[in-house]
Amino acid sequence: MVVFLALTLAYLAGLLLLGRSRRPAPALAYEEYPSCLAFARRCSVYDVFRHAAADWRFSGAKVEADFQRYLRSGSLPHYVCRYARREVRTEEIRLYLLITRRW
């Protein structure tokens, strides 16, 4: 009986440890990636727009126009989201979700 109990506890402990290491990355909504990256880098969302535009070699005027559109309508340009998704790490997403109380 004691052996069975010990094996059961070892099995449950193994499941717990494997479950933590294989947990999928938390999901963010499409429009949350720039905010998450800005939070992780301790900069503004505008700075994320600028870095994304520099990565894609867009002009400053395009950045200004896209950021104004983002402020007015919440429309996020694809190049900003792709940049943010590529640059943000899983740990930063988890921390962002923890801080914003969405765990």
PDB file of N, CA and C in Angstrom:
ATOM      1  N   MET A   1       0.812  -1.198   0.000  1.00  0.00           N
ATOM      2  CA  MET A   1       0.000   0.000   0.000  1.00  0.00           C
ATOM      3  C   MET A   1       0.860   1.269   0.000  1.00  0.00           C
ATOM      4  N   VAL A   2       1.926   1.243   0.784  1.00  0.00           N
ATOM      5  CA  VAL A   2       2.823   2.389   0.871  1.00  0.00           C
ATOM      6  C   VAL A   2       3.529   2.611  -0.472  1.00  0.00           C
ATOM      7  N   VAL A   3       3.900   1.517  -1.121  1.00  0.00           N
ATOM      8  CA  VAL A   3       4.566   1.615  -2.425  1.00  0.00           C
ATOM      9  C   VAL A   3       3.627   2.251  -3.454  1.00  0.00           C
ATOM     10  N   PHE A   4       2.375   1.838  -3.430  1.00  0.00           N
ATOM     11  CA  PHE A   4       1.395   2.394  -4.358  1.00  0.00           C
ATOM     12  C   PHE A   4       1.208   3.896  -4.128  1.00  0.00           C
ATOM     13  N   LEU A   5       1.135   4.300  -2.869  1.00  0.00           N
ATOM     14  CA  LEU A   5       1.004   5.720  -2.534  1.00  0.00           C
ATOM     15  C   LEU A   5       2.230   6.509  -2.982  1.00  0.00           C
ATOM     16  N   ALA A   6       3.422   5.963  -2.785  1.00  0.00           N
ATOM     17  CA  ALA A   6       4.651   6.632  -3.206  1.00  0.00           C
ATOM     18  C   ALA A   6       4.714   6.773  -4.723  1.00  0.00           C
ATOM     19  N   LEU A   7       4.320   5.719  -5.438  1.00  0.00           N
ATOM     20  CA  LEU A   7       4.312   5.785  -6.905  1.00  0.00           C
ATOM     21  C   LEU A   7       3.300   6.808  -7.407  1.00  0.00           C
ATOM     22  N   THR A   8       2.166   6.890  -6.769  1.00  0.00           N
ATOM     23  CA  THR A   8       1.141   7.863  -7.159  1.00  0.00           C
ATOM     24  C   THR A   8       1.638   9.287  -6.950  1.00  0.00           C
ATOM     25  N   LEU A   9       2.260   9.545  -5.815  1.00  0.00           N
ATOM     26  CA  LEU A   9       2.800  10.883  -5.539  1.00  0.00           C
ATOM     27  C   LEU A   9       3.920  11.241  -6.516  1.00  0.00           C
ATOM     28  N   ALA A  10       4.777  10.286  -6.836  1.00  0.00           N
ATOM     29  CA  ALA A  10       5.855  10.538  -7.799  1.00  0.00           C
ATOM     30  C   ALA A  10       5.279  10.841  -9.181  1.00  0.00           C
ATOM     31  N   TYR A  11       4.240  10.099  -9.555  1.00  0.00           N
ATOM     32  CA  TYR A  11       3.589  10.333 -10.851  1.00  0.00           C
ATOM     33  C   TYR A  11       2.975  11.734 -10.912  1.00  0.00           C
ATOM     34  N   LEU A  12       2.273  12.126  -9.864  1.00  0.00           N
ATOM     35  CA  LEU A  12       1.648  13.449  -9.830  1.00  0.00           C
ATOM     36  C   LEU A  12       2.696  14.571  -9.825  1.00  0.00           C
ATOM     37  N   ALA A  13       3.789  14.375  -9.119  1.00  0.00           N
ATOM     38  CA  ALA A  13       4.869  15.365  -9.106  1.00  0.00           C
ATOM     39  C   ALA A  13       5.485  15.503 -10.503  1.00  0.00           C
ATOM     40  N   GLY A  14       5.661  14.368 -11.179  1.00  0.00           N
ATOM     41  CA  GLY A  14       6.188  14.408 -12.544  1.00  0.00           C
ATOM     42  C   GLY A  14       5.266  15.137 -13.495  1.00  0.00           C
ATOM     43  N   LEU A  15       3.966  14.907 -13.369  1.00  0.00           N
ATOM     44  CA  LEU A  15       3.000  15.622 -14.205  1.00  0.00           C
ATOM     45  C   LEU A  15       3.042  17.123 -13.949  1.00  0.00           C
ATOM     46  N   LEU A  16       3.176  17.479 -12.695  1.00  0.00           N
ATOM     47  CA  LEU A  16       3.238  18.897 -12.340  1.00  0.00           C
ATOM     48  C   LEU A  16       4.471  19.554 -12.944  1.00  0.00           C
ATOM     49  N   LEU A  17       5.611  18.904 -12.838  1.00  0.00           N
ATOM     50  CA  LEU A  17       6.848  19.464 -13.396  1.00  0.00           C
ATOM     51  C   LEU A  17       6.807  19.529 -14.916  1.00  0.00           C
ATOM     52  N   LEU A  18       6.312  18.494 -15.563  1.00  0.00           N
ATOM     53  CA  LEU A  18       6.212  18.511 -17.019  1.00  0.00           C
ATOM     54  C   LEU A  18       5.193  19.528 -17.494  1.00  0.00           C
ATOM     55  N   GLY A  19       4.129  19.696 -16.757  1.00  0.00           N
ATOM     56  CA  GLY A  19       3.100  20.674 -17.127  1.00  0.00           C
ATOM     57  C   GLY A  19       3.619  22.084 -17.109  1.00  0.00           C
ATOM     58  N   ARG A  20       4.511  22.388 -16.184  1.00  0.00           N
ATOM     59  CA  ARG A  20       5.078  23.740 -16.117  1.00  0.00           C
ATOM     60  C   ARG A  20       6.029  24.014 -17.269  1.00  0.00           C
ATOM     61  N   SER A  21       6.824  23.031 -17.620  1.00  0.00           N
ATOM     62  CA  SER A  21       7.809  23.260 -18.676  1.00  0.00           C
ATOM     63  C   SER A  21       7.188  23.238 -20.069  1.00  0.00           C
ATOM     64  N   ARG A  22       6.051  22.575 -20.227  1.00  0.00           N
ATOM     65  CA  ARG A  22       5.426  22.477 -21.545  1.00  0.00           C
ATOM     66  C   ARG A  22       4.220  23.392 -21.696  1.00  0.00           C
ATOM     67  N   ARG A  23       4.076  24.318 -20.789  1.00  0.00           N
ATOM     68  CA  ARG A  23       2.939  25.223 -20.848  1.00  0.00           C
ATOM     69  C   ARG A  23       3.080  26.128 -22.071  1.00  0.00           C
ATOM     70  N   PRO A  24       2.031  26.264 -22.873  1.00  0.00           N
ATOM     71  CA  PRO A  24       2.138  27.102 -24.066  1.00  0.00           C
ATOM     72  C   PRO A  24       2.266  28.584 -23.687  1.00  0.00           C
ATOM     73  N   ALA A  25       2.826  29.324 -24.590  1.00  0.00           N
ATOM     74  CA  ALA A  25       2.977  30.760 -24.367  1.00  0.00           C
ATOM     75  C   ALA A  25       1.600  31.408 -24.279  1.00  0.00           C
ATOM     76  N   PRO A  26       1.443  32.351 -23.376  1.00  0.00           N
ATOM     77  CA  PRO A  26       0.149  33.022 -23.269  1.00  0.00           C
ATOM     78  C   PRO A  26      -0.153  33.815 -24.529  1.00  0.00           C
ATOM     79  N   ALA A  27      -1.405  33.910 -24.838  1.00  0.00           N
ATOM     80  CA  ALA A  27      -1.806  34.586 -26.071  1.00  0.00           C
ATOM     81  C   ALA A  27      -2.156  36.047 -25.793  1.00  0.00           C
ATOM     82  N   LEU A  28      -1.743  36.886 -26.688  1.00  0.00           N
ATOM     83  CA  LEU A  28      -2.108  38.297 -26.662  1.00  0.00           C
ATOM     84  C   LEU A  28      -2.968  38.582 -27.877  1.00  0.00           C
ATOM     85  N   ALA A  29      -3.812  39.559 -27.748  1.00  0.00           N
ATOM     86  CA  ALA A  29      -4.579  40.016 -28.908  1.00  0.00           C
ATOM     87  C   ALA A  29      -3.625  40.744 -29.858  1.00  0.00           C
ATOM     88  N   TYR A  30      -3.981  40.774 -31.112  1.00  0.00           N
ATOM     89  CA  TYR A  30      -3.164  41.380 -32.160  1.00  0.00           C
ATOM     90  C   TYR A  30      -2.725  42.799 -31.785  1.00  0.00           C
ATOM     91  N   GLU A  31      -3.653  43.582 -31.267  1.00  0.00           N
ATOM     92  CA  GLU A  31      -3.352  44.986 -30.986  1.00  0.00           C
ATOM     93  C   GLU A  31      -2.600  45.197 -29.675  1.00  0.00           C
ATOM     94  N   GLU A  32      -2.384  44.142 -28.894  1.00  0.00           N
ATOM     95  CA  GLU A  32      -1.677  44.288 -27.623  1.00  0.00           C
ATOM     96  C   GLU A  32      -0.167  44.117 -27.743  1.00  0.00           C
ATOM     97  N   TYR A  33       0.310  43.578 -28.830  1.00  0.00           N
ATOM     98  CA  TYR A  33       1.746  43.336 -28.965  1.00  0.00           C
ATOM     99  C   TYR A  33       2.594  44.605 -28.875  1.00  0.00           C
ATOM    100  N   PRO A  34       2.240  45.701 -29.550  1.00  0.00           N
ATOM    101  CA  PRO A  34       3.064  46.908 -29.394  1.00  0.00           C
ATOM    102  C   PRO A  34       3.092  47.425 -27.953  1.00  0.00           C
ATOM    103  N   SER A  35       1.973  47.357 -27.254  1.00  0.00           N
ATOM    104  CA  SER A  35       1.936  47.794 -25.856  1.00  0.00           C
ATOM    105  C   SER A  35       2.809  46.899 -24.989  1.00  0.00           C
ATOM    106  N   CYS A  36       2.753  45.618 -25.243  1.00  0.00           N
ATOM    107  CA  CYS A  36       3.564  44.670 -24.478  1.00  0.00           C
ATOM    108  C   CYS A  36       5.052  44.922 -24.710  1.00  0.00           C
ATOM    109  N   LEU A  37       5.438  45.140 -25.950  1.00  0.00           N
ATOM    110  CA  LEU A  37       6.841  45.404 -26.258  1.00  0.00           C
ATOM    111  C   LEU A  37       7.282  46.738 -25.656  1.00  0.00           C
ATOM    112  N   ALA A  38       6.427  47.740 -25.708  1.00  0.00           N
ATOM    113  CA  ALA A  38       6.754  49.037 -25.109  1.00  0.00           C
ATOM    114  C   ALA A  38       6.932  48.881 -23.599  1.00  0.00           C
ATOM    115  N   PHE A  39       6.082  48.097 -22.976  1.00  0.00           N
ATOM    116  CA  PHE A  39       6.198  47.843 -21.549  1.00  0.00           C
ATOM    117  C   PHE A  39       7.517  47.142 -21.234  1.00  0.00           C
ATOM    118  N   ALA A  40       7.863  46.145 -22.027  1.00  0.00           N
ATOM    119  CA  ALA A  40       9.086  45.378 -21.787  1.00  0.00           C
ATOM    120  C   ALA A  40      10.337  46.228 -21.988  1.00  0.00           C
ATOM    121  N   ARG A  41      10.307  47.113 -22.967  1.00  0.00           N
ATOM    122  CA  ARG A  41      11.470  47.960 -23.244  1.00  0.00           C
ATOM    123  C   ARG A  41      11.477  49.262 -22.457  1.00  0.00           C
ATOM    124  N   ARG A  42      10.391  49.494 -21.730  1.00  0.00           N
ATOM    125  CA  ARG A  42      10.238  50.726 -20.954  1.00  0.00           C
ATOM    126  C   ARG A  42      10.333  51.956 -21.851  1.00  0.00           C
ATOM    127  N   CYS A  43       9.558  51.905 -22.915  1.00  0.00           N
ATOM    128  CA  CYS A  43       9.483  53.030 -23.842  1.00  0.00           C
ATOM    129  C   CYS A  43       8.017  53.242 -24.209  1.00  0.00           C
ATOM    130  N   SER A  44       7.763  54.165 -25.095  1.00  0.00           N
ATOM    131  CA  SER A  44       6.384  54.440 -25.511  1.00  0.00           C
ATOM    132  C   SER A  44       6.015  53.595 -26.733  1.00  0.00           C
ATOM    133  N   VAL A  45       4.731  53.517 -27.003  1.00  0.00           N
ATOM    134  CA  VAL A  45       4.261  52.812 -28.195  1.00  0.00           C
ATOM    135  C   VAL A  45       4.752  53.542 -29.441  1.00  0.00           C
ATOM    136  N   TYR A  46       4.855  54.857 -29.349  1.00  0.00           N
ATOM    137  CA  TYR A  46       5.385  55.631 -30.475  1.00  0.00           C
ATOM    138  C   TYR A  46       6.811  55.196 -30.806  1.00  0.00           C
ATOM    139  N   ASP A  47       7.610  54.931 -29.778  1.00  0.00           N
ATOM    140  CA  ASP A  47       8.972  54.443 -30.021  1.00  0.00           C
ATOM    141  C   ASP A  47       8.959  53.085 -30.714  1.00  0.00           C
ATOM    142  N   VAL A  48       8.004  52.235 -30.356  1.00  0.00           N
ATOM    143  CA  VAL A  48       7.874  50.935 -31.040  1.00  0.00           C
ATOM    144  C   VAL A  48       7.541  51.167 -32.512  1.00  0.00           C
ATOM    145  N   PHE A  49       6.646  52.110 -32.793  1.00  0.00           N
ATOM    146  CA  PHE A  49       6.337  52.463 -34.181  1.00  0.00           C
ATOM    147  C   PHE A  49       7.607  52.907 -34.911  1.00  0.00           C
ATOM    148  N   ARG A  50       8.387  53.770 -34.276  1.00  0.00           N
ATOM    149  CA  ARG A  50       9.609  54.276 -34.919  1.00  0.00           C
ATOM    150  C   ARG A  50      10.610  53.163 -35.193  1.00  0.00           C
ATOM    151  N   HIS A  51      10.801  52.275 -34.214  1.00  0.00           N
ATOM    152  CA  HIS A  51      11.746  51.167 -34.416  1.00  0.00           C
ATOM    153  C   HIS A  51      11.265  50.220 -35.508  1.00  0.00           C
ATOM    154  N   ALA A  52       9.966  49.961 -35.534  1.00  0.00           N
ATOM    155  CA  ALA A  52       9.414  49.088 -36.577  1.00  0.00           C
ATOM    156  C   ALA A  52       9.596  49.718 -37.952  1.00  0.00           C
ATOM    157  N   ALA A  53       9.353  51.014 -38.045  1.00  0.00           N
ATOM    158  CA  ALA A  53       9.517  51.709 -39.327  1.00  0.00           C
ATOM    159  C   ALA A  53      10.975  51.698 -39.765  1.00  0.00           C
ATOM    160  N   ALA A  54      11.885  51.866 -38.821  1.00  0.00           N
ATOM    161  CA  ALA A  54      13.309  51.823 -39.169  1.00  0.00           C
ATOM    162  C   ALA A  54      13.696  50.432 -39.653  1.00  0.00           C
ATOM    163  N   ASP A  55      13.129  49.420 -39.029  1.00  0.00           N
ATOM    164  CA  ASP A  55      13.408  48.048 -39.437  1.00  0.00           C
ATOM    165  C   ASP A  55      12.912  47.780 -40.858  1.00  0.00           C
ATOM    166  N   TRP A  56      11.777  48.391 -41.201  1.00  0.00           N
ATOM    167  CA  TRP A  56      11.198  48.214 -42.531  1.00  0.00           C
ATOM    168  C   TRP A  56      11.642  49.306 -43.499  1.00  0.00           C
ATOM    169  N   ARG A  57      12.439  50.241 -43.030  1.00  0.00           N
ATOM    170  CA  ARG A  57      12.958  51.364 -43.829  1.00  0.00           C
ATOM    171  C   ARG A  57      11.841  52.271 -44.368  1.00  0.00           C
ATOM    172  N   PHE A  58      10.889  52.592 -43.481  1.00  0.00           N
ATOM    173  CA  PHE A  58       9.824  53.528 -43.834  1.00  0.00           C
ATOM    174  C   PHE A  58      10.219  54.932 -43.401  1.00  0.00           C
ATOM    175  N   SER A  59       9.607  55.925 -44.011  1.00  0.00           N
ATOM    176  CA  SER A  59       9.933  57.316 -43.706  1.00  0.00           C
ATOM    177  C   SER A  59       9.287  57.758 -42.397  1.00  0.00           C
ATOM    178  N   GLY A  60       9.805  58.867 -41.870  1.00  0.00           N
ATOM    179  CA  GLY A  60       9.238  59.445 -40.665  1.00  0.00           C
ATOM    180  C   GLY A  60       7.818  59.932 -40.868  1.00  0.00           C
ATOM    181  N   ALA A  61       7.519  60.414 -42.077  1.00  0.00           N
ATOM    182  CA  ALA A  61       6.160  60.884 -42.367  1.00  0.00           C
ATOM    183  C   ALA A  61       5.159  59.726 -42.298  1.00  0.00           C
ATOM    184  N   LYS A  62       5.572  58.552 -42.774  1.00  0.00           N
ATOM    185  CA  LYS A  62       4.687  57.391 -42.708  1.00  0.00           C
ATOM    186  C   LYS A  62       4.447  56.989 -41.254  1.00  0.00           C
ATOM    187  N   VAL A  63       5.489  57.060 -40.440  1.00  0.00           N
ATOM    188  CA  VAL A  63       5.347  56.737 -39.023  1.00  0.00           C
ATOM    189  C   VAL A  63       4.344  57.686 -38.371  1.00  0.00           C
ATOM    190  N   GLU A  64       4.498  58.965 -38.646  1.00  0.00           N
ATOM    191  CA  GLU A  64       3.588  59.968 -38.071  1.00  0.00           C
ATOM    192  C   GLU A  64       2.144  59.702 -38.496  1.00  0.00           C
ATOM    193  N   ALA A  65       1.942  59.470 -39.779  1.00  0.00           N
ATOM    194  CA  ALA A  65       0.583  59.234 -40.286  1.00  0.00           C
ATOM    195  C   ALA A  65      -0.013  57.947 -39.697  1.00  0.00           C
ATOM    196  N   ASP A  66       0.784  56.886 -39.660  1.00  0.00           N
ATOM    197  CA  ASP A  66       0.286  55.619 -39.112  1.00  0.00           C
ATOM    198  C   ASP A  66       0.005  55.725 -37.624  1.00  0.00           C
ATOM    199  N   PHE A  67       0.849  56.449 -36.891  1.00  0.00           N
ATOM    200  CA  PHE A  67       0.623  56.590 -35.461  1.00  0.00           C
ATOM    201  C   PHE A  67      -0.616  57.443 -35.184  1.00  0.00           C
ATOM    202  N   GLN A  68      -0.824  58.489 -35.964  1.00  0.00           N
ATOM    203  CA  GLN A  68      -2.034  59.305 -35.805  1.00  0.00           C
ATOM    204  C   GLN A  68      -3.288  58.470 -36.081  1.00  0.00           C
ATOM    205  N   ARG A  69      -3.233  57.634 -37.121  1.00  0.00           N
ATOM    206  CA  ARG A  69      -4.357  56.761 -37.439  1.00  0.00           C
ATOM    207  C   ARG A  69      -4.595  55.764 -36.302  1.00  0.00           C
ATOM    208  N   TYR A  70      -3.512  55.266 -35.730  1.00  0.00           N
ATOM    209  CA  TYR A  70      -3.608  54.332 -34.606  1.00  0.00           C
ATOM    210  C   TYR A  70      -4.276  55.011 -33.402  1.00  0.00           C
ATOM    211  N   LEU A  71      -3.906  56.256 -33.127  1.00  0.00           N
ATOM    212  CA  LEU A  71      -4.512  56.977 -32.011  1.00  0.00           C
ATOM    213  C   LEU A  71      -5.987  57.274 -32.245  1.00  0.00           C
ATOM    214  N   ARG A  72      -6.322  57.613 -33.477  1.00  0.00           N
ATOM    215  CA  ARG A  72      -7.718  57.960 -33.783  1.00  0.00           C
ATOM    216  C   ARG A  72      -8.639  56.745 -33.827  1.00  0.00           C
ATOM    217  N   SER A  73      -8.200  55.695 -34.498  1.00  0.00           N
ATOM    218  CA  SER A  73      -9.115  54.577 -34.753  1.00  0.00           C
ATOM    219  C   SER A  73      -8.679  53.244 -34.147  1.00  0.00           C
ATOM    220  N   GLY A  74      -7.466  53.173 -33.616  1.00  0.00           N
ATOM    221  CA  GLY A  74      -6.979  51.902 -33.083  1.00  0.00           C
ATOM    222  C   GLY A  74      -6.479  50.959 -34.155  1.00  0.00           C
ATOM    223  N   SER A  75      -6.401  51.463 -35.395  1.00  0.00           N
ATOM    224  CA  SER A  75      -5.943  50.647 -36.519  1.00  0.00           C
ATOM    225  C   SER A  75      -4.425  50.473 -36.433  1.00  0.00           C
ATOM    226  N   LEU A  76      -4.002  49.230 -36.329  1.00  0.00           N
ATOM    227  CA  LEU A  76      -2.589  48.934 -36.160  1.00  0.00           C
ATOM    228  C   LEU A  76      -1.979  48.495 -37.487  1.00  0.00           C
ATOM    229  N   PRO A  77      -0.933  49.187 -37.953  1.00  0.00           N
ATOM    230  CA  PRO A  77      -0.286  48.771 -39.199  1.00  0.00           C
ATOM    231  C   PRO A  77       0.369  47.394 -39.050  1.00  0.00           C
ATOM    232  N   HIS A  78       0.344  46.636 -40.114  1.00  0.00           N
ATOM    233  CA  HIS A  78       0.873  45.271 -40.053  1.00  0.00           C
ATOM    234  C   HIS A  78       2.358  45.229 -39.726  1.00  0.00           C
ATOM    235  N   TYR A  79       3.117  46.222 -40.188  1.00  0.00           N
ATOM    236  CA  TYR A  79       4.557  46.186 -39.961  1.00  0.00           C
ATOM    237  C   TYR A  79       4.889  46.384 -38.483  1.00  0.00           C
ATOM    238  N   VAL A  80       4.070  47.135 -37.765  1.00  0.00           N
ATOM    239  CA  VAL A  80       4.308  47.354 -36.335  1.00  0.00           C
ATOM    240  C   VAL A  80       4.004  46.073 -35.558  1.00  0.00           C
ATOM    241  N   CYS A  81       2.898  45.451 -35.874  1.00  0.00           N
ATOM    242  CA  CYS A  81       2.541  44.222 -35.170  1.00  0.00           C
ATOM    243  C   CYS A  81       3.532  43.104 -35.467  1.00  0.00           C
ATOM    244  N   ARG A  82       3.947  42.968 -36.699  1.00  0.00           N
ATOM    245  CA  ARG A  82       4.932  41.924 -37.038  1.00  0.00           C
ATOM    246  C   ARG A  82       6.246  42.159 -36.306  1.00  0.00           C
ATOM    247  N   TYR A  83       6.658  43.416 -36.262  1.00  0.00           N
ATOM    248  CA  TYR A  83       7.885  43.758 -35.552  1.00  0.00           C
ATOM    249  C   TYR A  83       7.754  43.431 -34.060  1.00  0.00           C
ATOM    250  N   ALA A  84       6.638  43.844 -33.463  1.00  0.00           N
ATOM    251  CA  ALA A  84       6.437  43.615 -32.029  1.00  0.00           C
ATOM    252  C   ALA A  84       6.360  42.126 -31.721  1.00  0.00           C
ATOM    253  N   ARG A  85       5.657  41.364 -32.540  1.00  0.00           N
ATOM    254  CA  ARG A  85       5.545  39.917 -32.303  1.00  0.00           C
ATOM    255  C   ARG A  85       6.899  39.229 -32.426  1.00  0.00           C
ATOM    256  N   ARG A  86       7.726  39.717 -33.324  1.00  0.00           N
ATOM    257  CA  ARG A  86       9.051  39.125 -33.505  1.00  0.00           C
ATOM    258  C   ARG A  86       9.982  39.473 -32.342  1.00  0.00           C
ATOM    259  N   GLU A  87       9.855  40.675 -31.809  1.00  0.00           N
ATOM    260  CA  GLU A  87      10.792  41.156 -30.800  1.00  0.00           C
ATOM    261  C   GLU A  87      10.424  40.783 -29.362  1.00  0.00           C
ATOM    262  N   VAL A  88       9.148  40.628 -29.070  1.00  0.00           N
ATOM    263  CA  VAL A  88       8.740  40.363 -27.686  1.00  0.00           C
ATOM    264  C   VAL A  88       8.995  38.905 -27.336  1.00  0.00           C
ATOM    265  N   ARG A  89       9.422  38.672 -26.091  1.00  0.00           N
ATOM    266  CA  ARG A  89       9.725  37.315 -25.635  1.00  0.00           C
ATOM    267  C   ARG A  89       8.574  36.784 -24.784  1.00  0.00           C
ATOM    268  N   THR A  90       8.507  35.485 -24.647  1.00  0.00           N
ATOM    269  CA  THR A  90       7.426  34.833 -23.906  1.00  0.00           C
ATOM    270  C   THR A  90       7.380  35.305 -22.457  1.00  0.00           C
ATOM    271  N   GLU A  91       8.558  35.456 -21.826  1.00  0.00           N
ATOM    272  CA  GLU A  91       8.576  35.914 -20.431  1.00  0.00           C
ATOM    273  C   GLU A  91       7.982  37.310 -20.308  1.00  0.00           C
ATOM    274  N   GLU A  92       8.241  38.150 -21.309  1.00  0.00           N
ATOM    275  CA  GLU A  92       7.714  39.516 -21.282  1.00  0.00           C
ATOM    276  C   GLU A  92       6.188  39.508 -21.443  1.00  0.00           C
ATOM    277  N   ILE A  93       5.681  38.592 -22.248  1.00  0.00           N
ATOM    278  CA  ILE A  93       4.226  38.481 -22.408  1.00  0.00           C
ATOM    279  C   ILE A  93       3.597  38.053 -21.087  1.00  0.00           C
ATOM    280  N   ARG A  94       4.203  37.060 -20.430  1.00  0.00           N
ATOM    281  CA  ARG A  94       3.665  36.599 -19.146  1.00  0.00           C
ATOM    282  C   ARG A  94       3.676  37.717 -18.109  1.00  0.00           C
ATOM    283  N   LEU A  95       4.773  38.472 -18.053  1.00  0.00           N
ATOM    284  CA  LEU A  95       4.852  39.579 -17.106  1.00  0.00           C
ATOM    285  C   LEU A  95       3.822  40.656 -17.427  1.00  0.00           C
ATOM    286  N   TYR A  96       3.663  40.957 -18.697  1.00  0.00           N
ATOM    287  CA  TYR A  96       2.669  41.954 -19.120  1.00  0.00           C
ATOM    288  C   TYR A  96       1.263  41.529 -18.714  1.00  0.00           C
ATOM    289  N   LEU A  97       0.939  40.265 -18.927  1.00  0.00           N
ATOM    290  CA  LEU A  97      -0.380  39.766 -18.553  1.00  0.00           C
ATOM    291  C   LEU A  97      -0.564  39.771 -17.037  1.00  0.00           C
ATOM    292  N   LEU A  98       0.508  39.489 -16.302  1.00  0.00           N
ATOM    293  CA  LEU A  98       0.434  39.514 -14.851  1.00  0.00           C
ATOM    294  C   LEU A  98       0.205  40.939 -14.344  1.00  0.00           C
ATOM    295  N   ILE A  99       0.924  41.892 -14.899  1.00  0.00           N
ATOM    296  CA  ILE A  99       0.814  43.293 -14.465  1.00  0.00           C
ATOM    297  C   ILE A  99      -0.549  43.858 -14.833  1.00  0.00           C
ATOM    298  N   THR A 100      -1.057  43.499 -16.008  1.00  0.00           N
ATOM    299  CA  THR A 100      -2.352  44.029 -16.437  1.00  0.00           C
ATOM    300  C   THR A 100      -3.509  43.198 -15.906  1.00  0.00           C
ATOM    301  N   ARG A 101      -3.210  42.257 -15.014  1.00  0.00           N
ATOM    302  CA  ARG A 101      -4.221  41.442 -14.325  1.00  0.00           C
ATOM    303  C   ARG A 101      -5.041  40.571 -15.271  1.00  0.00           C
ATOM    304  N   ARG A 102      -4.387  40.023 -16.312  1.00  0.00           N
ATOM    305  CA  ARG A 102      -5.089  39.144 -17.246  1.00  0.00           C
ATOM    306  C   ARG A 102      -4.489  37.750 -17.240  1.00  0.00           C
ATOM    307  N   TRP A 103      -4.128  37.218 -16.103  1.00  0.00           N
ATOM    308  CA  TRP A 103      -3.538  35.895 -16.077  1.00  0.00           C
ATOM    309  C   TRP A 103      -4.542  34.833 -16.104  1.00  0.00           C
TER     310      TRP A 103
END
